C-alpha cells in the first residue's frame, strides 16, 4: 500500500478492526446501529457539518438517527446509522495505522452522538 490510500475492501476491514477494538462494555451498549462505509458525505451531511466546522475541515463520519436521550418508548425507530467516509479519511491519513486510529476515533465520536452527547461534551 505505497500510496497510503485504502481500497474499499481494505477500508471496510479497518472499520471492522476499529469496532472490534472498542471496550466491551461500550460495544455492548450499542444496539440497532448500522456502521456504513460511504465514499463521500452527501450534500445534506455537509450542510449539517458546516455549521460547526471550518471551511477546510473534512467530514470523516456522521451519525444519522435519534440519540438515546431523545427517544420515546412508543416511537418506532429504524436502525441508527453511523457513516464513515472513505474519501476524507484517505485524504487526512498517510498509513493504514493512521487510518485505523482515525476510523476508531470517528466511530467513537459518532457513537457519542448516539448516546446523546454534543460535540463540546466529547474529548477531542
N, C-alpha and C. Protein backbone atom coordinates (compact mmCIF):
# COMPACT_ATOMS: atom_id res chain seq x y z
N UNK A 1 0.85 -1.18 0.00
CA UNK A 1 0.00 0.00 0.00
C UNK A 1 0.89 1.24 0.00
N UNK A 2 1.61 1.44 -1.06
CA UNK A 2 2.60 2.51 -1.12
C UNK A 2 1.95 3.89 -1.02
N UNK A 3 0.79 4.06 -1.64
CA UNK A 3 0.17 5.38 -1.66
C UNK A 3 -0.46 5.75 -0.32
N UNK A 4 -0.70 4.76 0.54
CA UNK A 4 -1.33 5.06 1.81
C UNK A 4 -2.85 5.16 1.73
N UNK A 5 -3.40 4.99 0.54
CA UNK A 5 -4.84 5.09 0.37
C UNK A 5 -5.46 3.69 0.45
N UNK A 6 -6.50 3.56 1.25
CA UNK A 6 -7.14 2.26 1.42
C UNK A 6 -8.20 2.04 0.36
N UNK A 7 -8.19 0.85 -0.24
CA UNK A 7 -9.28 0.48 -1.14
C UNK A 7 -10.54 0.28 -0.30
N UNK A 8 -11.66 0.13 -0.94
CA UNK A 8 -12.91 -0.06 -0.20
C UNK A 8 -12.84 -1.31 0.67
N UNK A 9 -12.33 -2.43 0.12
CA UNK A 9 -12.22 -3.66 0.91
C UNK A 9 -11.31 -3.47 2.12
N UNK A 10 -10.14 -2.85 1.88
CA UNK A 10 -9.22 -2.60 2.99
C UNK A 10 -9.86 -1.70 4.04
N UNK A 11 -10.53 -0.67 3.56
CA UNK A 11 -11.17 0.28 4.46
C UNK A 11 -12.22 -0.42 5.33
N UNK A 12 -13.03 -1.27 4.70
CA UNK A 12 -14.06 -2.00 5.47
C UNK A 12 -13.42 -2.93 6.50
N UNK A 13 -12.29 -3.55 6.15
CA UNK A 13 -11.58 -4.38 7.12
C UNK A 13 -11.09 -3.55 8.30
N UNK A 14 -10.57 -2.35 8.01
CA UNK A 14 -10.09 -1.47 9.07
C UNK A 14 -11.24 -1.01 9.95
N UNK A 15 -12.40 -0.72 9.35
CA UNK A 15 -13.58 -0.36 10.16
C UNK A 15 -13.93 -1.51 11.10
N UNK A 16 -13.91 -2.73 10.59
CA UNK A 16 -14.20 -3.90 11.44
C UNK A 16 -13.19 -4.00 12.58
N UNK A 17 -11.92 -3.81 12.27
CA UNK A 17 -10.88 -3.86 13.31
C UNK A 17 -11.12 -2.78 14.36
N UNK A 18 -11.49 -1.58 13.91
CA UNK A 18 -11.74 -0.48 14.84
C UNK A 18 -12.92 -0.82 15.76
N UNK A 19 -13.97 -1.41 15.20
CA UNK A 19 -15.13 -1.78 16.02
C UNK A 19 -14.76 -2.87 17.02
N UNK A 20 -13.96 -3.83 16.57
CA UNK A 20 -13.54 -4.92 17.48
C UNK A 20 -12.66 -4.40 18.61
N UNK A 21 -12.02 -3.25 18.40
CA UNK A 21 -11.12 -2.72 19.43
C UNK A 21 -11.85 -1.88 20.48
N UNK A 22 -13.16 -1.66 20.29
CA UNK A 22 -13.91 -0.89 21.29
C UNK A 22 -14.00 -1.69 22.59
N UNK A 23 -13.97 -0.98 23.73
CA UNK A 23 -14.16 -1.69 25.01
C UNK A 23 -15.49 -2.44 25.01
N UNK A 24 -15.50 -3.66 25.55
CA UNK A 24 -16.70 -4.50 25.52
C UNK A 24 -17.89 -3.81 26.17
N UNK A 25 -17.69 -3.15 27.30
CA UNK A 25 -18.83 -2.52 27.98
C UNK A 25 -19.45 -1.42 27.12
N UNK A 26 -18.62 -0.79 26.29
CA UNK A 26 -19.09 0.25 25.38
C UNK A 26 -19.83 -0.38 24.20
N UNK A 27 -19.21 -1.40 23.62
CA UNK A 27 -19.80 -2.07 22.46
C UNK A 27 -21.14 -2.73 22.82
N UNK A 28 -21.26 -3.25 24.04
CA UNK A 28 -22.50 -3.91 24.45
C UNK A 28 -23.68 -2.95 24.53
N UNK A 29 -23.41 -1.66 24.69
CA UNK A 29 -24.49 -0.67 24.79
C UNK A 29 -25.04 -0.26 23.43
N UNK A 30 -24.31 -0.59 22.39
CA UNK A 30 -24.70 -0.18 21.05
C UNK A 30 -25.61 -1.23 20.45
N UNK A 31 -26.88 -0.85 20.28
CA UNK A 31 -27.85 -1.78 19.71
C UNK A 31 -28.58 -1.11 18.57
N UNK A 32 -28.86 -1.89 17.53
CA UNK A 32 -29.63 -1.41 16.39
C UNK A 32 -28.93 -0.23 15.70
N UNK A 33 -27.61 -0.31 15.58
CA UNK A 33 -26.83 0.72 14.90
C UNK A 33 -26.07 0.07 13.75
N UNK A 34 -26.23 0.61 12.56
CA UNK A 34 -25.53 0.13 11.38
C UNK A 34 -24.30 1.02 11.17
N UNK A 35 -23.15 0.41 10.99
CA UNK A 35 -21.94 1.16 10.65
C UNK A 35 -21.73 0.98 9.15
N UNK A 36 -21.86 2.07 8.40
CA UNK A 36 -21.79 2.01 6.94
C UNK A 36 -20.53 2.71 6.45
N UNK A 37 -19.92 2.14 5.42
CA UNK A 37 -18.80 2.79 4.76
C UNK A 37 -19.35 3.47 3.51
N UNK A 38 -19.10 4.77 3.40
CA UNK A 38 -19.51 5.52 2.21
C UNK A 38 -18.28 6.22 1.67
N UNK A 39 -18.26 6.45 0.36
CA UNK A 39 -17.08 7.07 -0.23
C UNK A 39 -16.97 8.54 0.15
N UNK A 40 -18.07 9.27 0.08
CA UNK A 40 -18.06 10.71 0.36
C UNK A 40 -19.36 11.09 1.07
N UNK A 41 -19.33 12.16 1.87
CA UNK A 41 -20.56 12.64 2.50
C UNK A 41 -21.52 13.21 1.46
N UNK A 42 -22.82 13.15 1.75
CA UNK A 42 -23.83 13.75 0.87
C UNK A 42 -23.88 15.26 1.11
N UNK A 43 -24.57 15.96 0.25
CA UNK A 43 -24.75 17.40 0.45
C UNK A 43 -25.44 17.69 1.77
N UNK A 44 -26.44 16.87 2.13
CA UNK A 44 -27.14 17.05 3.41
C UNK A 44 -26.19 16.86 4.58
N UNK A 45 -25.32 15.84 4.50
CA UNK A 45 -24.33 15.60 5.55
C UNK A 45 -23.44 16.84 5.71
N UNK A 46 -22.99 17.37 4.58
CA UNK A 46 -22.07 18.51 4.62
C UNK A 46 -22.75 19.75 5.18
N UNK A 47 -24.01 19.95 4.83
CA UNK A 47 -24.75 21.11 5.36
C UNK A 47 -24.84 21.05 6.88
N UNK A 48 -25.15 19.88 7.42
CA UNK A 48 -25.27 19.77 8.87
C UNK A 48 -23.91 19.92 9.55
N UNK A 49 -22.85 19.55 8.86
CA UNK A 49 -21.50 19.60 9.41
C UNK A 49 -20.93 21.02 9.37
N UNK A 50 -21.20 21.74 8.29
CA UNK A 50 -20.55 23.03 8.08
C UNK A 50 -20.93 24.06 9.13
N UNK A 51 -22.02 23.83 9.83
CA UNK A 51 -22.41 24.77 10.88
C UNK A 51 -21.33 24.90 11.95
N UNK A 52 -20.64 23.79 12.23
CA UNK A 52 -19.69 23.82 13.34
C UNK A 52 -18.25 23.61 12.94
N UNK A 53 -17.92 23.78 11.65
CA UNK A 53 -16.55 23.47 11.24
C UNK A 53 -16.01 24.55 10.31
N UNK A 54 -14.71 24.58 10.23
CA UNK A 54 -14.07 25.50 9.31
C UNK A 54 -14.20 25.02 7.88
N UNK A 55 -13.99 25.92 6.94
CA UNK A 55 -14.17 25.59 5.52
C UNK A 55 -13.21 24.52 5.03
N UNK A 56 -12.04 24.40 5.67
CA UNK A 56 -11.06 23.43 5.20
C UNK A 56 -11.14 22.09 5.94
N UNK A 57 -12.14 21.92 6.78
CA UNK A 57 -12.28 20.67 7.53
C UNK A 57 -12.91 19.59 6.67
N UNK A 58 -12.51 18.36 6.94
CA UNK A 58 -13.10 17.20 6.25
C UNK A 58 -14.11 16.55 7.18
N UNK A 59 -15.24 16.13 6.64
CA UNK A 59 -16.22 15.37 7.40
C UNK A 59 -15.83 13.90 7.29
N UNK A 60 -15.42 13.29 8.41
CA UNK A 60 -14.91 11.92 8.39
C UNK A 60 -16.00 10.89 8.67
N UNK A 61 -17.05 11.32 9.37
CA UNK A 61 -18.14 10.41 9.69
C UNK A 61 -19.33 11.21 10.17
N UNK A 62 -20.48 10.56 10.23
CA UNK A 62 -21.69 11.24 10.68
C UNK A 62 -22.62 10.24 11.34
N UNK A 63 -23.36 10.71 12.33
CA UNK A 63 -24.38 9.89 12.99
C UNK A 63 -25.72 10.32 12.43
N UNK A 64 -26.50 9.34 11.97
CA UNK A 64 -27.84 9.61 11.45
C UNK A 64 -28.82 8.79 12.28
N UNK A 65 -29.58 9.47 13.12
CA UNK A 65 -30.52 8.74 13.96
C UNK A 65 -31.06 9.62 15.06
N UNK A 66 -31.73 8.99 16.00
CA UNK A 66 -32.30 9.67 17.16
C UNK A 66 -31.47 9.27 18.38
N UNK A 67 -30.80 10.24 19.02
CA UNK A 67 -29.99 9.90 20.19
C UNK A 67 -30.82 9.22 21.27
N UNK A 68 -30.19 8.32 22.01
CA UNK A 68 -30.89 7.59 23.08
C UNK A 68 -31.59 8.55 24.04
N UNK A 69 -30.98 9.70 24.29
CA UNK A 69 -31.53 10.65 25.25
C UNK A 69 -32.79 11.36 24.75
N UNK A 70 -33.09 11.22 23.45
CA UNK A 70 -34.25 11.92 22.88
C UNK A 70 -35.37 10.96 22.46
N UNK A 71 -35.23 9.70 22.79
CA UNK A 71 -36.20 8.71 22.33
C UNK A 71 -37.40 8.62 23.27
N UNK A 72 -38.54 8.29 22.67
CA UNK A 72 -39.72 7.98 23.47
C UNK A 72 -39.96 6.48 23.35
N UNK A 73 -40.66 5.92 24.31
CA UNK A 73 -40.81 4.46 24.35
C UNK A 73 -41.67 3.91 23.22
N UNK A 74 -42.59 4.72 22.68
CA UNK A 74 -43.53 4.19 21.69
C UNK A 74 -43.14 4.53 20.25
N UNK A 75 -42.06 5.25 20.06
CA UNK A 75 -41.69 5.65 18.70
C UNK A 75 -41.03 4.49 17.96
N UNK A 76 -41.60 4.10 16.80
CA UNK A 76 -40.92 3.06 16.01
C UNK A 76 -39.67 3.67 15.37
N UNK A 77 -38.56 3.00 15.52
CA UNK A 77 -37.31 3.56 15.01
C UNK A 77 -36.65 2.62 14.01
N UNK A 78 -36.17 3.22 12.94
CA UNK A 78 -35.30 2.49 12.03
C UNK A 78 -33.95 2.34 12.71
N UNK A 79 -33.13 1.44 12.25
CA UNK A 79 -31.80 1.37 12.85
C UNK A 79 -31.07 2.71 12.69
N UNK A 80 -30.34 3.10 13.71
CA UNK A 80 -29.49 4.27 13.58
C UNK A 80 -28.34 3.90 12.66
N UNK A 81 -27.72 4.92 12.09
CA UNK A 81 -26.62 4.66 11.18
C UNK A 81 -25.45 5.58 11.50
N UNK A 82 -24.28 5.02 11.49
CA UNK A 82 -23.06 5.80 11.54
C UNK A 82 -22.37 5.56 10.20
N UNK A 83 -22.17 6.63 9.46
CA UNK A 83 -21.46 6.53 8.19
C UNK A 83 -20.03 6.99 8.40
N UNK A 84 -19.10 6.20 7.89
CA UNK A 84 -17.67 6.54 7.93
C UNK A 84 -17.26 6.78 6.48
N UNK A 85 -16.64 7.92 6.21
CA UNK A 85 -16.37 8.33 4.84
C UNK A 85 -14.94 8.03 4.43
N UNK A 86 -14.83 7.14 3.43
CA UNK A 86 -13.53 6.65 2.99
C UNK A 86 -12.69 7.75 2.34
N UNK A 87 -13.29 8.54 1.46
CA UNK A 87 -12.52 9.58 0.76
C UNK A 87 -11.85 10.55 1.71
N UNK A 88 -12.62 11.19 2.61
CA UNK A 88 -12.00 12.14 3.53
C UNK A 88 -10.96 11.49 4.45
N UNK A 89 -11.22 10.29 4.94
CA UNK A 89 -10.25 9.65 5.82
C UNK A 89 -8.97 9.31 5.05
N UNK A 90 -9.11 8.86 3.80
CA UNK A 90 -7.92 8.62 2.99
C UNK A 90 -7.14 9.92 2.76
N UNK A 91 -7.85 11.05 2.67
CA UNK A 91 -7.17 12.32 2.41
C UNK A 91 -6.43 12.84 3.64
N UNK A 92 -6.89 12.50 4.84
CA UNK A 92 -6.24 13.06 6.04
C UNK A 92 -5.27 12.09 6.71
N UNK A 93 -5.16 10.87 6.20
CA UNK A 93 -4.23 9.90 6.79
C UNK A 93 -3.18 9.49 5.77
N UNK A 94 -2.04 9.01 6.29
CA UNK A 94 -0.93 8.63 5.42
C UNK A 94 -0.58 7.15 5.48
N UNK A 95 -1.19 6.42 6.42
CA UNK A 95 -0.84 5.00 6.55
C UNK A 95 -2.06 4.22 7.02
N UNK A 96 -1.96 2.90 6.92
CA UNK A 96 -3.04 2.05 7.39
C UNK A 96 -3.26 2.25 8.90
N UNK A 97 -2.17 2.38 9.64
CA UNK A 97 -2.27 2.57 11.09
C UNK A 97 -2.96 3.90 11.42
N UNK A 98 -2.59 4.96 10.70
CA UNK A 98 -3.26 6.24 10.91
C UNK A 98 -4.75 6.13 10.57
N UNK A 99 -5.06 5.42 9.48
CA UNK A 99 -6.45 5.26 9.09
C UNK A 99 -7.22 4.49 10.17
N UNK A 100 -6.61 3.42 10.71
CA UNK A 100 -7.24 2.65 11.76
C UNK A 100 -7.55 3.55 12.96
N UNK A 101 -6.58 4.36 13.37
CA UNK A 101 -6.78 5.25 14.51
C UNK A 101 -7.86 6.29 14.23
N UNK A 102 -7.84 6.84 13.02
CA UNK A 102 -8.82 7.87 12.66
C UNK A 102 -10.22 7.28 12.58
N UNK A 103 -10.34 6.08 12.00
CA UNK A 103 -11.65 5.42 11.91
C UNK A 103 -12.17 5.11 13.31
N UNK A 104 -11.31 4.59 14.16
CA UNK A 104 -11.72 4.25 15.53
C UNK A 104 -12.20 5.51 16.25
N UNK A 105 -11.43 6.59 16.14
CA UNK A 105 -11.79 7.85 16.78
C UNK A 105 -13.12 8.39 16.22
N UNK A 106 -13.29 8.27 14.90
CA UNK A 106 -14.51 8.75 14.26
C UNK A 106 -15.72 7.95 14.73
N UNK A 107 -15.59 6.62 14.77
CA UNK A 107 -16.70 5.77 15.22
C UNK A 107 -17.05 6.09 16.67
N UNK A 108 -16.05 6.24 17.53
CA UNK A 108 -16.31 6.56 18.93
C UNK A 108 -16.99 7.92 19.05
N UNK A 109 -16.54 8.88 18.27
CA UNK A 109 -17.15 10.22 18.29
C UNK A 109 -18.63 10.15 17.88
N UNK A 110 -18.90 9.43 16.79
CA UNK A 110 -20.29 9.33 16.31
C UNK A 110 -21.14 8.53 17.29
N UNK A 111 -20.57 7.52 17.94
CA UNK A 111 -21.32 6.80 18.97
C UNK A 111 -21.64 7.72 20.14
N UNK A 112 -20.77 8.69 20.39
CA UNK A 112 -21.07 9.69 21.41
C UNK A 112 -22.37 10.42 21.09
N UNK A 113 -22.58 10.74 19.81
CA UNK A 113 -23.85 11.37 19.41
C UNK A 113 -25.03 10.42 19.63
N UNK A 114 -24.82 9.13 19.34
CA UNK A 114 -25.84 8.12 19.58
C UNK A 114 -26.25 8.11 21.05
N UNK A 115 -25.26 8.28 21.94
CA UNK A 115 -25.54 8.31 23.38
C UNK A 115 -26.06 9.66 23.86
N UNK A 116 -26.17 10.64 22.93
CA UNK A 116 -26.77 11.92 23.28
C UNK A 116 -25.79 13.02 23.62
N UNK A 117 -24.51 12.83 23.35
CA UNK A 117 -23.52 13.86 23.66
C UNK A 117 -23.39 14.84 22.50
N UNK A 118 -23.17 16.10 22.84
CA UNK A 118 -22.86 17.12 21.84
C UNK A 118 -21.36 17.14 21.61
N UNK A 119 -20.94 17.76 20.50
CA UNK A 119 -19.51 17.84 20.19
C UNK A 119 -18.70 18.42 21.35
N UNK A 120 -19.23 19.45 22.01
CA UNK A 120 -18.44 20.10 23.07
C UNK A 120 -18.41 19.29 24.36
N UNK A 121 -19.18 18.21 24.43
CA UNK A 121 -19.16 17.34 25.61
C UNK A 121 -18.19 16.16 25.46
N UNK A 122 -17.63 16.01 24.25
CA UNK A 122 -16.75 14.88 23.99
C UNK A 122 -15.30 15.32 23.99
N UNK A 123 -14.41 14.44 24.44
CA UNK A 123 -12.99 14.78 24.38
C UNK A 123 -12.53 14.83 22.93
N UNK A 124 -11.61 15.71 22.64
CA UNK A 124 -11.09 15.83 21.25
C UNK A 124 -9.66 15.38 21.19
